[in-house]
Amino acid sequence: MNDTATRVNWWQVIVDLGKANLSLADIAAATGIPKSTLDQYKNRNSEPKHADGERLLSLWRTTVLPKVPTVQGSVRNRERSTG
């Protein structure tokens, strides 16, 4: 067994969600994981069950990762109007 295997930093996942303006109550409502359980993942170095971890990561992916930048109109129309 490899003791140096990488694992998810659940504390950081929850902190990142907090930086995205989600409270523990918001995270609990979005994932169905009780606030007290989220507190354990954040402050007591415990890890979630697989299903809870997947729900947390899904919320993290949709909340924390930056959205794709977009612009209005097509490149061709923009080039014609400025050229």
Protein backbone atom coordinates (compact mmCIF):
# COMPACT_ATOMS: atom_id res chain seq x y z
CA MET A 1 0.00 0.00 0.00
CA ASN A 2 1.23 3.48 -0.86
CA ASP A 3 1.02 5.86 2.12
CA THR A 4 1.83 8.88 -0.05
CA ALA A 5 -1.26 8.58 -2.26
CA THR A 6 -3.00 11.83 -3.00
CA ARG A 7 -6.48 12.53 -1.70
CA VAL A 8 -8.97 15.34 -1.90
CA ASN A 9 -8.39 18.23 0.47
CA TRP A 10 -11.95 18.48 1.80
CA TRP A 11 -11.07 21.45 3.99
CA GLN A 12 -10.02 23.39 0.87
CA VAL A 13 -13.13 22.31 -1.06
CA ILE A 14 -15.38 23.74 1.66
CA VAL A 15 -13.23 26.87 2.07
CA ASP A 16 -13.40 27.47 -1.70
CA LEU A 17 -17.19 27.15 -1.60
CA GLY A 18 -17.22 29.68 1.23
CA LYS A 19 -15.11 32.07 -0.85
CA ALA A 20 -17.79 31.70 -3.53
CA ASN A 21 -20.23 33.16 -0.96
CA LEU A 22 -21.81 29.87 0.09
CA SER A 23 -22.39 29.35 3.80
CA LEU A 24 -22.41 25.90 5.36
CA ALA A 25 -26.21 26.17 5.31
CA ASP A 26 -26.10 26.87 1.55
CA ILE A 27 -23.77 23.93 0.97
CA ALA A 28 -25.98 21.69 3.10
CA ALA A 29 -29.08 22.73 1.16
CA ALA A 30 -27.37 22.15 -2.19
CA THR A 31 -25.88 18.77 -1.31
CA GLY A 32 -28.23 17.29 1.27
CA ILE A 33 -25.30 16.88 3.67
CA PRO A 34 -26.08 18.11 7.22
CA LYS A 35 -24.20 21.23 8.39
CA SER A 36 -22.74 19.31 11.33
CA THR A 37 -21.29 16.74 8.94
CA LEU A 38 -19.84 19.47 6.70
CA ASP A 39 -18.26 20.99 9.80
CA GLN A 40 -16.58 17.65 10.52
CA TYR A 41 -15.19 17.49 6.98
CA LYS A 42 -13.85 21.01 7.35
CA ASN A 43 -12.59 21.13 10.94
CA ARG A 44 -12.06 17.62 12.21
CA ASN A 45 -10.03 16.01 9.43
CA SER A 46 -12.69 13.46 8.55
CA GLU A 47 -13.54 12.41 5.02
CA PRO A 48 -16.96 12.06 3.43
CA LYS A 49 -18.56 8.87 2.24
CA HIS A 50 -18.22 8.45 -1.50
CA ALA A 51 -21.69 9.80 -2.34
CA ASP A 52 -21.24 12.87 -0.11
CA GLY A 53 -17.84 13.53 -1.64
CA GLU A 54 -19.26 13.33 -5.16
CA ARG A 55 -22.01 15.81 -4.26
CA LEU A 56 -19.49 18.22 -2.74
CA LEU A 57 -17.20 17.99 -5.75
CA SER A 58 -20.10 18.48 -8.13
CA LEU A 59 -21.09 21.66 -6.29
CA TRP A 60 -17.45 22.80 -6.23
CA ARG A 61 -17.10 22.24 -9.99
CA THR A 62 -20.23 24.23 -10.80
CA THR A 63 -19.56 27.00 -8.28
CA VAL A 64 -15.82 27.54 -8.02
CA LEU A 65 -14.45 26.85 -11.47
CA PRO A 66 -14.53 29.95 -13.63
CA LYS A 67 -17.19 30.20 -16.24
CA VAL A 68 -16.14 30.25 -19.88
CA PRO A 69 -15.70 33.87 -21.01
CA THR A 70 -18.17 34.90 -23.70
CA VAL A 71 -18.78 37.85 -25.99
CA GLN A 72 -21.88 38.91 -27.89
CA GLY A 73 -22.06 38.36 -31.64
CA SER A 74 -19.79 36.52 -34.02
CA VAL A 75 -16.17 37.28 -34.81
CA ARG A 76 -17.06 37.97 -38.46
CA ASN A 77 -19.70 40.56 -37.55
CA ARG A 78 -17.34 42.25 -35.09
CA GLU A 79 -14.53 42.43 -37.68
CA ARG A 80 -16.85 43.99 -40.26
CA SER A 81 -18.08 46.65 -37.88
CA THR A 82 -14.55 47.71 -36.79
CA GLY A 83 -12.75 47.32 -40.09
